[in-house]
Amino acid sequence: MSGCCKPPTQCAYTFVNPTYWISPINTAADMDCLQWSNDQTQLCYNCDSCKAGLLANLRKEWRRANVILIITVIVLIIVYLVGCCAFRNVKTEDLFRKYKQGYT
């Protein structure tokens, strides 16, 4: 996966600068090789290698987001459970307060 700004590796283009590459004589190795253009607005945005690189990047970012969301949900569940227990304890204390006052 070369990405969108580099021609696919199997095309054997010669590096000139980061966005300009010299085409080899035989470019029939892959369809991506034929789609590559040194035009700065085109490059290889329609190439399969660009699409694969974008998908790989999105997968990595969404994995991070999923981990953060799972941790957030677990923390919220714990806060909810602590709040429920505290509310229940307060109700129990109010219920038994009149009995405690009688014995002290």
PDB file of N, CA and C in Angstrom:
ATOM      1  N   MET A   1       0.839  -1.180   0.000  1.00  0.00           N
ATOM      2  CA  MET A   1       0.000   0.000   0.000  1.00  0.00           C
ATOM      3  C   MET A   1       0.881   1.240   0.000  1.00  0.00           C
ATOM      4  N   SER A   2       0.949   1.893  -1.117  1.00  0.00           N
ATOM      5  CA  SER A   2       1.782   3.078  -1.237  1.00  0.00           C
ATOM      6  C   SER A   2       1.057   4.337  -0.821  1.00  0.00           C
ATOM      7  N   GLY A   3      -0.240   4.348  -0.906  1.00  0.00           N
ATOM      8  CA  GLY A   3      -0.999   5.531  -0.556  1.00  0.00           C
ATOM      9  C   GLY A   3      -1.407   6.309  -1.792  1.00  0.00           C
ATOM     10  N   CYS A   4      -1.810   7.553  -1.591  1.00  0.00           N
ATOM     11  CA  CYS A   4      -2.352   8.363  -2.687  1.00  0.00           C
ATOM     12  C   CYS A   4      -1.309   9.266  -3.319  1.00  0.00           C
ATOM     13  N   CYS A   5      -0.254   9.584  -2.611  1.00  0.00           N
ATOM     14  CA  CYS A   5       0.731  10.542  -3.116  1.00  0.00           C
ATOM     15  C   CYS A   5       1.953   9.866  -3.717  1.00  0.00           C
ATOM     16  N   LYS A   6       2.009   8.548  -3.654  1.00  0.00           N
ATOM     17  CA  LYS A   6       3.104   7.798  -4.256  1.00  0.00           C
ATOM     18  C   LYS A   6       2.506   6.776  -5.208  1.00  0.00           C
ATOM     19  N   PRO A   7       3.184   6.497  -6.301  1.00  0.00           N
ATOM     20  CA  PRO A   7       2.685   5.432  -7.172  1.00  0.00           C
ATOM     21  C   PRO A   7       2.861   4.082  -6.476  1.00  0.00           C
ATOM     22  N   PRO A   8       2.061   3.099  -6.836  1.00  0.00           N
ATOM     23  CA  PRO A   8       2.203   1.781  -6.224  1.00  0.00           C
ATOM     24  C   PRO A   8       3.619   1.237  -6.398  1.00  0.00           C
ATOM     25  N   THR A   9       4.104   0.518  -5.408  1.00  0.00           N
ATOM     26  CA  THR A   9       5.477   0.021  -5.394  1.00  0.00           C
ATOM     27  C   THR A   9       5.762  -0.902  -6.570  1.00  0.00           C
ATOM     28  N   GLN A  10       4.804  -1.752  -6.925  1.00  0.00           N
ATOM     29  CA  GLN A  10       5.039  -2.722  -7.995  1.00  0.00           C
ATOM     30  C   GLN A  10       5.206  -2.067  -9.367  1.00  0.00           C
ATOM     31  N   CYS A  11       4.924  -0.777  -9.489  1.00  0.00           N
ATOM     32  CA  CYS A  11       5.051  -0.080 -10.779  1.00  0.00           C
ATOM     33  C   CYS A  11       6.493   0.283 -11.108  1.00  0.00           C
ATOM     34  N   ALA A  12       7.366   0.313 -10.128  1.00  0.00           N
ATOM     35  CA  ALA A  12       8.795   0.611 -10.299  1.00  0.00           C
ATOM     36  C   ALA A  12       9.040   2.002 -10.883  1.00  0.00           C
ATOM     37  N   TYR A  13       8.297   2.980 -10.412  1.00  0.00           N
ATOM     38  CA  TYR A  13       8.529   4.369 -10.827  1.00  0.00           C
ATOM     39  C   TYR A  13       9.821   4.865 -10.191  1.00  0.00           C
ATOM     40  N   THR A  14      10.503   5.788 -10.843  1.00  0.00           N
ATOM     41  CA  THR A  14      11.745   6.355 -10.330  1.00  0.00           C
ATOM     42  C   THR A  14      11.428   7.648  -9.586  1.00  0.00           C
ATOM     43  N   PHE A  15      11.940   7.757  -8.370  1.00  0.00           N
ATOM     44  CA  PHE A  15      11.685   8.907  -7.503  1.00  0.00           C
ATOM     45  C   PHE A  15      12.443  10.130  -8.007  1.00  0.00           C
ATOM     46  N   VAL A  16      11.731  11.254  -8.128  1.00  0.00           N
ATOM     47  CA  VAL A  16      12.360  12.537  -8.445  1.00  0.00           C
ATOM     48  C   VAL A  16      12.200  13.464  -7.245  1.00  0.00           C
ATOM     49  N   ASN A  17      10.952  13.661  -6.805  1.00  0.00           N
ATOM     50  CA  ASN A  17      10.656  14.374  -5.566  1.00  0.00           C
ATOM     51  C   ASN A  17       9.384  13.745  -4.992  1.00  0.00           C
ATOM     52  N   PRO A  18       8.934  14.155  -3.821  1.00  0.00           N
ATOM     53  CA  PRO A  18       7.817  13.445  -3.180  1.00  0.00           C
ATOM     54  C   PRO A  18       6.549  13.301  -4.015  1.00  0.00           C
ATOM     55  N   THR A  19       6.308  14.192  -4.951  1.00  0.00           N
ATOM     56  CA  THR A  19       5.088  14.062  -5.749  1.00  0.00           C
ATOM     57  C   THR A  19       5.352  13.978  -7.246  1.00  0.00           C
ATOM     58  N   TYR A  20       6.596  13.806  -7.631  1.00  0.00           N
ATOM     59  CA  TYR A  20       6.899  13.642  -9.053  1.00  0.00           C
ATOM     60  C   TYR A  20       7.755  12.399  -9.224  1.00  0.00           C
ATOM     61  N   TRP A  21       7.287  11.499 -10.064  1.00  0.00           N
ATOM     62  CA  TRP A  21       7.954  10.220 -10.294  1.00  0.00           C
ATOM     63  C   TRP A  21       8.088  10.005 -11.802  1.00  0.00           C
ATOM     64  N   ILE A  22       9.170   9.379 -12.220  1.00  0.00           N
ATOM     65  CA  ILE A  22       9.380   9.085 -13.637  1.00  0.00           C
ATOM     66  C   ILE A  22       8.825   7.698 -13.932  1.00  0.00           C
ATOM     67  N   SER A  23       8.002   7.642 -14.974  1.00  0.00           N
ATOM     68  CA  SER A  23       7.340   6.398 -15.350  1.00  0.00           C
ATOM     69  C   SER A  23       8.314   5.447 -16.038  1.00  0.00           C
ATOM     70  N   PRO A  24       8.272   4.162 -15.684  1.00  0.00           N
ATOM     71  CA  PRO A  24       9.095   3.195 -16.408  1.00  0.00           C
ATOM     72  C   PRO A  24       8.512   2.945 -17.805  1.00  0.00           C
ATOM     73  N   ILE A  25       9.268   2.270 -18.630  1.00  0.00           N
ATOM     74  CA  ILE A  25       8.817   2.009 -20.003  1.00  0.00           C
ATOM     75  C   ILE A  25       7.613   1.072 -20.001  1.00  0.00           C
ATOM     76  N   ASN A  26       7.648   0.018 -19.201  1.00  0.00           N
ATOM     77  CA  ASN A  26       6.560  -0.960 -19.156  1.00  0.00           C
ATOM     78  C   ASN A  26       5.709  -0.701 -17.919  1.00  0.00           C
ATOM     79  N   THR A  27       4.534  -0.108 -18.097  1.00  0.00           N
ATOM     80  CA  THR A  27       3.644   0.176 -16.965  1.00  0.00           C
ATOM     81  C   THR A  27       2.424  -0.727 -16.962  1.00  0.00           C
ATOM     82  N   ALA A  28       2.453  -1.796 -17.716  1.00  0.00           N
ATOM     83  CA  ALA A  28       1.290  -2.676 -17.826  1.00  0.00           C
ATOM     84  C   ALA A  28       1.194  -3.664 -16.673  1.00  0.00           C
ATOM     85  N   ALA A  29       2.006  -3.515 -15.641  1.00  0.00           N
ATOM     86  CA  ALA A  29       2.002  -4.465 -14.536  1.00  0.00           C
ATOM     87  C   ALA A  29       0.698  -4.436 -13.760  1.00  0.00           C
ATOM     88  N   ASP A  30       0.102  -3.287 -13.633  1.00  0.00           N
ATOM     89  CA  ASP A  30      -1.093  -3.158 -12.800  1.00  0.00           C
ATOM     90  C   ASP A  30      -1.927  -1.982 -13.306  1.00  0.00           C
ATOM     91  N   MET A  31      -3.221  -2.021 -13.041  1.00  0.00           N
ATOM     92  CA  MET A  31      -4.101  -0.924 -13.451  1.00  0.00           C
ATOM     93  C   MET A  31      -3.750   0.361 -12.695  1.00  0.00           C
ATOM     94  N   ASP A  32      -3.305   0.219 -11.450  1.00  0.00           N
ATOM     95  CA  ASP A  32      -2.896   1.389 -10.674  1.00  0.00           C
ATOM     96  C   ASP A  32      -1.729   2.119 -11.347  1.00  0.00           C
ATOM     97  N   CYS A  33      -0.845   1.363 -12.006  1.00  0.00           N
ATOM     98  CA  CYS A  33       0.297   1.984 -12.690  1.00  0.00           C
ATOM     99  C   CYS A  33      -0.174   2.885 -13.824  1.00  0.00           C
ATOM    100  N   LEU A  34      -1.232   2.480 -14.493  1.00  0.00           N
ATOM    101  CA  LEU A  34      -1.759   3.284 -15.598  1.00  0.00           C
ATOM    102  C   LEU A  34      -2.513   4.509 -15.093  1.00  0.00           C
ATOM    103  N   GLN A  35      -3.070   4.433 -13.894  1.00  0.00           N
ATOM    104  CA  GLN A  35      -3.861   5.540 -13.351  1.00  0.00           C
ATOM    105  C   GLN A  35      -3.009   6.630 -12.708  1.00  0.00           C
ATOM    106  N   TRP A  36      -1.749   6.325 -12.403  1.00  0.00           N
ATOM    107  CA  TRP A  36      -0.892   7.315 -11.750  1.00  0.00           C
ATOM    108  C   TRP A  36      -0.662   8.511 -12.663  1.00  0.00           C
ATOM    109  N   SER A  37      -0.708   9.711 -12.086  1.00  0.00           N
ATOM    110  CA  SER A  37      -0.435  10.942 -12.818  1.00  0.00           C
ATOM    111  C   SER A  37       0.402  11.850 -11.930  1.00  0.00           C
ATOM    112  N   ASN A  38       1.348  12.561 -12.514  1.00  0.00           N
ATOM    113  CA  ASN A  38       2.158  13.514 -11.756  1.00  0.00           C
ATOM    114  C   ASN A  38       1.439  14.835 -11.535  1.00  0.00           C
ATOM    115  N   ASP A  39       0.257  14.984 -12.086  1.00  0.00           N
ATOM    116  CA  ASP A  39      -0.554  16.184 -11.866  1.00  0.00           C
ATOM    117  C   ASP A  39      -0.905  16.262 -10.377  1.00  0.00           C
ATOM    118  N   GLN A  40      -0.599  17.403  -9.736  1.00  0.00           N
ATOM    119  CA  GLN A  40      -0.778  17.542  -8.286  1.00  0.00           C
ATOM    120  C   GLN A  40      -2.233  17.415  -7.843  1.00  0.00           C
ATOM    121  N   THR A  41      -3.174  17.681  -8.729  1.00  0.00           N
ATOM    122  CA  THR A  41      -4.584  17.570  -8.343  1.00  0.00           C
ATOM    123  C   THR A  41      -5.125  16.165  -8.559  1.00  0.00           C
ATOM    124  N   GLN A  42      -4.388  15.331  -9.270  1.00  0.00           N
ATOM    125  CA  GLN A  42      -4.887  13.994  -9.579  1.00  0.00           C
ATOM    126  C   GLN A  42      -4.101  12.909  -8.854  1.00  0.00           C
ATOM    127  N   LEU A  43      -2.780  12.897  -9.004  1.00  0.00           N
ATOM    128  CA  LEU A  43      -1.892  11.879  -8.438  1.00  0.00           C
ATOM    129  C   LEU A  43      -2.487  10.491  -8.644  1.00  0.00           C
ATOM    130  N   CYS A  44      -2.818   9.800  -7.559  1.00  0.00           N
ATOM    131  CA  CYS A  44      -3.361   8.447  -7.709  1.00  0.00           C
ATOM    132  C   CYS A  44      -4.580   8.260  -6.814  1.00  0.00           C
ATOM    133  N   TYR A  45      -5.435   9.259  -6.748  1.00  0.00           N
ATOM    134  CA  TYR A  45      -6.585   9.190  -5.849  1.00  0.00           C
ATOM    135  C   TYR A  45      -7.604   8.137  -6.265  1.00  0.00           C
ATOM    136  N   ASN A  46      -7.580   7.697  -7.517  1.00  0.00           N
ATOM    137  CA  ASN A  46      -8.479   6.631  -7.957  1.00  0.00           C
ATOM    138  C   ASN A  46      -7.825   5.259  -7.903  1.00  0.00           C
ATOM    139  N   CYS A  47      -6.589   5.196  -7.467  1.00  0.00           N
ATOM    140  CA  CYS A  47      -5.873   3.918  -7.404  1.00  0.00           C
ATOM    141  C   CYS A  47      -6.392   3.060  -6.256  1.00  0.00           C
ATOM    142  N   ASP A  48      -6.305   1.753  -6.443  1.00  0.00           N
ATOM    143  CA  ASP A  48      -6.710   0.835  -5.379  1.00  0.00           C
ATOM    144  C   ASP A  48      -5.792   0.957  -4.170  1.00  0.00           C
ATOM    145  N   SER A  49      -4.508   1.264  -4.402  1.00  0.00           N
ATOM    146  CA  SER A  49      -3.576   1.400  -3.282  1.00  0.00           C
ATOM    147  C   SER A  49      -3.954   2.590  -2.405  1.00  0.00           C
ATOM    148  N   CYS A  50      -4.460   3.657  -3.017  1.00  0.00           N
ATOM    149  CA  CYS A  50      -4.906   4.823  -2.251  1.00  0.00           C
ATOM    150  C   CYS A  50      -6.122   4.462  -1.411  1.00  0.00           C
ATOM    151  N   LYS A  51      -7.069   3.772  -2.019  1.00  0.00           N
ATOM    152  CA  LYS A  51      -8.287   3.380  -1.303  1.00  0.00           C
ATOM    153  C   LYS A  51      -7.959   2.425  -0.164  1.00  0.00           C
ATOM    154  N   ALA A  52      -7.049   1.489  -0.402  1.00  0.00           N
ATOM    155  CA  ALA A  52      -6.658   0.542   0.640  1.00  0.00           C
ATOM    156  C   ALA A  52      -5.949   1.258   1.783  1.00  0.00           C
ATOM    157  N   GLY A  53      -5.094   2.225   1.452  1.00  0.00           N
ATOM    158  CA  GLY A  53      -4.404   2.992   2.492  1.00  0.00           C
ATOM    159  C   GLY A  53      -5.370   3.807   3.326  1.00  0.00           C
ATOM    160  N   LEU A  54      -6.354   4.405   2.682  1.00  0.00           N
ATOM    161  CA  LEU A  54      -7.362   5.180   3.400  1.00  0.00           C
ATOM    162  C   LEU A  54      -8.176   4.284   4.329  1.00  0.00           C
ATOM    163  N   LEU A  55      -8.585   3.116   3.843  1.00  0.00           N
ATOM    164  CA  LEU A  55      -9.344   2.185   4.683  1.00  0.00           C
ATOM    165  C   LEU A  55      -8.526   1.702   5.874  1.00  0.00           C
ATOM    166  N   ALA A  56      -7.253   1.413   5.656  1.00  0.00           N
ATOM    167  CA  ALA A  56      -6.397   0.976   6.761  1.00  0.00           C
ATOM    168  C   ALA A  56      -6.274   2.073   7.809  1.00  0.00           C
ATOM    169  N   ASN A  57      -6.135   3.311   7.362  1.00  0.00           N
ATOM    170  CA  ASN A  57      -6.044   4.433   8.287  1.00  0.00           C
ATOM    171  C   ASN A  57      -7.346   4.609   9.064  1.00  0.00           C
ATOM    172  N   LEU A  58      -8.483   4.502   8.375  1.00  0.00           N
ATOM    173  CA  LEU A  58      -9.776   4.631   9.051  1.00  0.00           C
ATOM    174  C   LEU A  58      -9.988   3.523  10.074  1.00  0.00           C
ATOM    175  N   ARG A  59      -9.597   2.307   9.727  1.00  0.00           N
ATOM    176  CA  ARG A  59      -9.735   1.196  10.681  1.00  0.00           C
ATOM    177  C   ARG A  59      -8.945   1.470  11.953  1.00  0.00           C
ATOM    178  N   LYS A  60      -7.724   1.967  11.791  1.00  0.00           N
ATOM    179  CA  LYS A  60      -6.880   2.245  12.953  1.00  0.00           C
ATOM    180  C   LYS A  60      -7.506   3.332  13.828  1.00  0.00           C
ATOM    181  N   GLU A  61      -8.018   4.385  13.190  1.00  0.00           N
ATOM    182  CA  GLU A  61      -8.635   5.474  13.954  1.00  0.00           C
ATOM    183  C   GLU A  61      -9.909   5.013  14.657  1.00  0.00           C
ATOM    184  N   TRP A  62     -10.721   4.205  13.987  1.00  0.00           N
ATOM    185  CA  TRP A  62     -11.963   3.731  14.605  1.00  0.00           C
ATOM    186  C   TRP A  62     -11.687   2.747  15.731  1.00  0.00           C
ATOM    187  N   ARG A  63     -10.603   1.975  15.640  1.00  0.00           N
ATOM    188  CA  ARG A  63     -10.249   1.097  16.770  1.00  0.00           C
ATOM    189  C   ARG A  63      -9.951   1.935  18.005  1.00  0.00           C
ATOM    190  N   ARG A  64      -9.205   3.002  17.823  1.00  0.00           N
ATOM    191  CA  ARG A  64      -8.916   3.892  18.954  1.00  0.00           C
ATOM    192  C   ARG A  64     -10.208   4.489  19.513  1.00  0.00           C
ATOM    193  N   ALA A  65     -11.080   4.925  18.626  1.00  0.00           N
ATOM    194  CA  ALA A  65     -12.348   5.510  19.069  1.00  0.00           C
ATOM    195  C   ALA A  65     -13.185   4.473  19.807  1.00  0.00           C
ATOM    196  N   ASN A  66     -13.195   3.237  19.334  1.00  0.00           N
ATOM    197  CA  ASN A  66     -13.952   2.183  20.007  1.00  0.00           C
ATOM    198  C   ASN A  66     -13.422   1.919  21.406  1.00  0.00           C
ATOM    199  N   VAL A  67     -12.114   1.889  21.557  1.00  0.00           N
ATOM    200  CA  VAL A  67     -11.525   1.665  22.882  1.00  0.00           C
ATOM    201  C   VAL A  67     -11.922   2.796  23.824  1.00  0.00           C
ATOM    202  N   ILE A  68     -11.844   4.022  23.355  1.00  0.00           N
ATOM    203  CA  ILE A  68     -12.219   5.171  24.187  1.00  0.00           C
ATOM    204  C   ILE A  68     -13.693   5.106  24.562  1.00  0.00           C
ATOM    205  N   LEU A  69     -14.555   4.749  23.611  1.00  0.00           N
ATOM    206  CA  LEU A  69     -15.988   4.651  23.898  1.00  0.00           C
ATOM    207  C   LEU A  69     -16.292   3.541  24.894  1.00  0.00           C
ATOM    208  N   ILE A  70     -15.634   2.403  24.771  1.00  0.00           N
ATOM    209  CA  ILE A  70     -15.861   1.301  25.706  1.00  0.00           C
ATOM    210  C   ILE A  70     -15.430   1.702  27.108  1.00  0.00           C
ATOM    211  N   ILE A  71     -14.277   2.343  27.231  1.00  0.00           N
ATOM    212  CA  ILE A  71     -13.812   2.798  28.548  1.00  0.00           C
ATOM    213  C   ILE A  71     -14.786   3.812  29.131  1.00  0.00           C
ATOM    214  N   THR A  72     -15.285   4.725  28.310  1.00  0.00           N
ATOM    215  CA  THR A  72     -16.244   5.730  28.774  1.00  0.00           C
ATOM    216  C   THR A  72     -17.530   5.078  29.258  1.00  0.00           C
ATOM    217  N   VAL A  73     -18.034   4.089  28.531  1.00  0.00           N
ATOM    218  CA  VAL A  73     -19.261   3.396  28.945  1.00  0.00           C
ATOM    219  C   VAL A  73     -19.042   2.668  30.265  1.00  0.00           C
ATOM    220  N   ILE A  74     -17.908   2.020  30.431  1.00  0.00           N
ATOM    221  CA  ILE A  74     -17.617   1.317  31.685  1.00  0.00           C
ATOM    222  C   ILE A  74     -17.565   2.301  32.849  1.00  0.00           C
ATOM    223  N   VAL A  75     -16.911   3.443  32.657  1.00  0.00           N
ATOM    224  CA  VAL A  75     -16.843   4.459  33.713  1.00  0.00           C
ATOM    225  C   VAL A  75     -18.238   4.974  34.048  1.00  0.00           C
ATOM    226  N   LEU A  76     -19.066   5.229  33.042  1.00  0.00           N
ATOM    227  CA  LEU A  76     -20.430   5.711  33.294  1.00  0.00           C
ATOM    228  C   LEU A  76     -21.264   4.673  34.039  1.00  0.00           C
ATOM    229  N   ILE A  77     -21.100   3.405  33.715  1.00  0.00           N
ATOM    230  CA  ILE A  77     -21.827   2.349  34.432  1.00  0.00           C
ATOM    231  C   ILE A  77     -21.396   2.313  35.890  1.00  0.00           C
ATOM    232  N   ILE A  78     -20.105   2.438  36.146  1.00  0.00           N
ATOM    233  CA  ILE A  78     -19.610   2.436  37.530  1.00  0.00           C
ATOM    234  C   ILE A  78     -20.161   3.636  38.291  1.00  0.00           C
ATOM    235  N   VAL A  79     -20.156   4.814  37.682  1.00  0.00           N
ATOM    236  CA  VAL A  79     -20.702   6.011  38.337  1.00  0.00           C
ATOM    237  C   VAL A  79     -22.186   5.821  38.620  1.00  0.00           C
ATOM    238  N   TYR A  80     -22.922   5.249  37.683  1.00  0.00           N
ATOM    239  CA  TYR A  80     -24.352   4.993  37.872  1.00  0.00           C
ATOM    240  C   TYR A  80     -24.578   4.030  39.035  1.00  0.00           C
ATOM    241  N   LEU A  81     -23.794   2.952  39.099  1.00  0.00           N
ATOM    242  CA  LEU A  81     -23.954   1.979  40.183  1.00  0.00           C
ATOM    243  C   LEU A  81     -23.624   2.593  41.541  1.00  0.00           C
ATOM    244  N   VAL A  82     -22.582   3.396  41.608  1.00  0.00           N
ATOM    245  CA  VAL A  82     -22.236   4.064  42.870  1.00  0.00           C
ATOM    246  C   VAL A  82     -23.356   5.013  43.276  1.00  0.00           C
ATOM    247  N   GLY A  83     -23.913   5.740  42.316  1.00  0.00           N
ATOM    248  CA  GLY A  83     -25.029   6.646  42.614  1.00  0.00           C
ATOM    249  C   GLY A  83     -26.251   5.897  43.104  1.00  0.00           C
ATOM    250  N   CYS A  84     -26.563   4.774  42.484  1.00  0.00           N
ATOM    251  CA  CYS A  84     -27.716   3.970  42.924  1.00  0.00           C
ATOM    252  C   CYS A  84     -27.509   3.443  44.338  1.00  0.00           C
ATOM    253  N   CYS A  85     -26.311   2.959  44.623  1.00  0.00           N
ATOM    254  CA  CYS A  85     -26.022   2.451  45.974  1.00  0.00           C
ATOM    255  C   CYS A  85     -26.112   3.573  47.004  1.00  0.00           C
ATOM    256  N   ALA A  86     -25.600   4.740  46.686  1.00  0.00           N
ATOM    257  CA  ALA A  86     -25.671   5.873  47.611  1.00  0.00           C
ATOM    258  C   ALA A  86     -27.118   6.285  47.836  1.00  0.00           C
ATOM    259  N   PHE A  87     -27.916   6.326  46.793  1.00  0.00           N
ATOM    260  CA  PHE A  87     -29.331   6.678  46.922  1.00  0.00           C
ATOM    261  C   PHE A  87     -30.064   5.656  47.785  1.00  0.00           C
ATOM    262  N   ARG A  88     -29.774   4.391  47.584  1.00  0.00           N
ATOM    263  CA  ARG A  88     -30.412   3.333  48.369  1.00  0.00           C
ATOM    264  C   ARG A  88     -30.007   3.437  49.846  1.00  0.00           C
ATOM    265  N   ASN A  89     -28.744   3.737  50.112  1.00  0.00           N
ATOM    266  CA  ASN A  89     -28.292   3.871  51.499  1.00  0.00           C
ATOM    267  C   ASN A  89     -28.963   5.051  52.187  1.00  0.00           C
ATOM    268  N   VAL A  90     -29.160   6.154  51.466  1.00  0.00           N
ATOM    269  CA  VAL A  90     -29.822   7.323  52.043  1.00  0.00           C
ATOM    270  C   VAL A  90     -31.266   6.983  52.380  1.00  0.00           C
ATOM    271  N   LYS A  91     -31.956   6.277  51.510  1.00  0.00           N
ATOM    272  CA  LYS A  91     -33.344   5.892  51.773  1.00  0.00           C
ATOM    273  C   LYS A  91     -33.420   4.958  52.979  1.00  0.00           C
ATOM    274  N   THR A  92     -32.468   4.031  53.091  1.00  0.00           N
ATOM    275  CA  THR A  92     -32.452   3.100  54.213  1.00  0.00           C
ATOM    276  C   THR A  92     -32.184   3.843  55.515  1.00  0.00           C
ATOM    277  N   GLU A  93     -31.268   4.807  55.490  1.00  0.00           N
ATOM    278  CA  GLU A  93     -30.983   5.599  56.684  1.00  0.00           C
ATOM    279  C   GLU A  93     -32.220   6.370  57.130  1.00  0.00           C
ATOM    280  N   ASP A  94     -32.957   6.967  56.205  1.00  0.00           N
ATOM    281  CA  ASP A  94     -34.182   7.692  56.553  1.00  0.00           C
ATOM    282  C   ASP A  94     -35.220   6.759  57.159  1.00  0.00           C
ATOM    283  N   LEU A  95     -35.317   5.550  56.652  1.00  0.00           N
ATOM    284  CA  LEU A  95     -36.303   4.590  57.133  1.00  0.00           C
ATOM    285  C   LEU A  95     -36.011   4.174  58.572  1.00  0.00           C
ATOM    286  N   PHE A  96     -34.742   3.948  58.884  1.00  0.00           N
ATOM    287  CA  PHE A  96     -34.387   3.473  60.214  1.00  0.00           C
ATOM    288  C   PHE A  96     -34.019   4.593  61.183  1.00  0.00           C
ATOM    289  N   ARG A  97     -34.053   5.848  60.762  1.00  0.00           N
ATOM    290  CA  ARG A  97     -33.683   6.957  61.629  1.00  0.00           C
ATOM    291  C   ARG A  97     -34.610   7.046  62.841  1.00  0.00           C
ATOM    292  N   LYS A  98     -35.911   6.856  62.627  1.00  0.00           N
ATOM    293  CA  LYS A  98     -36.841   6.969  63.758  1.00  0.00           C
ATOM    294  C   LYS A  98     -36.629   5.851  64.769  1.00  0.00           C
ATOM    295  N   TYR A  99     -36.205   4.680  64.307  1.00  0.00           N
ATOM    296  CA  TYR A  99     -35.940   3.594  65.248  1.00  0.00           C
ATOM    297  C   TYR A  99     -34.644   3.828  66.012  1.00  0.00           C
ATOM    298  N   LYS A 100     -33.648   4.416  65.359  1.00  0.00           N
ATOM    299  CA  LYS A 100     -32.379   4.695  66.014  1.00  0.00           C
ATOM    300  C   LYS A 100     -32.549   5.776  67.076  1.00  0.00           C
ATOM    301  N   GLN A 101     -33.406   6.752  66.828  1.00  0.00           N
ATOM    302  CA  GLN A 101     -33.605   7.831  67.788  1.00  0.00           C
ATOM    303  C   GLN A 101     -34.257   7.307  69.061  1.00  0.00           C
ATOM    304  N   GLY A 102     -35.079   6.293  68.930  1.00  0.00           N
ATOM    305  CA  GLY A 102     -35.751   5.744  70.103  1.00  0.00           C
ATOM    306  C   GLY A 102     -34.811   5.000  71.025  1.00  0.00           C
ATOM    307  N   TYR A 103     -33.745   4.450  70.541  1.00  0.00           N
ATOM    308  CA  TYR A 103     -32.838   3.651  71.350  1.00  0.00           C
ATOM    309  C   TYR A 103     -31.650   4.431  71.879  1.00  0.00           C
ATOM    310  N   THR A 104     -31.426   5.630  71.431  1.00  0.00           N
ATOM    311  CA  THR A 104     -30.244   6.354  71.894  1.00  0.00           C
ATOM    312  C   THR A 104     -30.515   7.227  73.062  1.00  0.00           C
TER     313      THR A 104
END
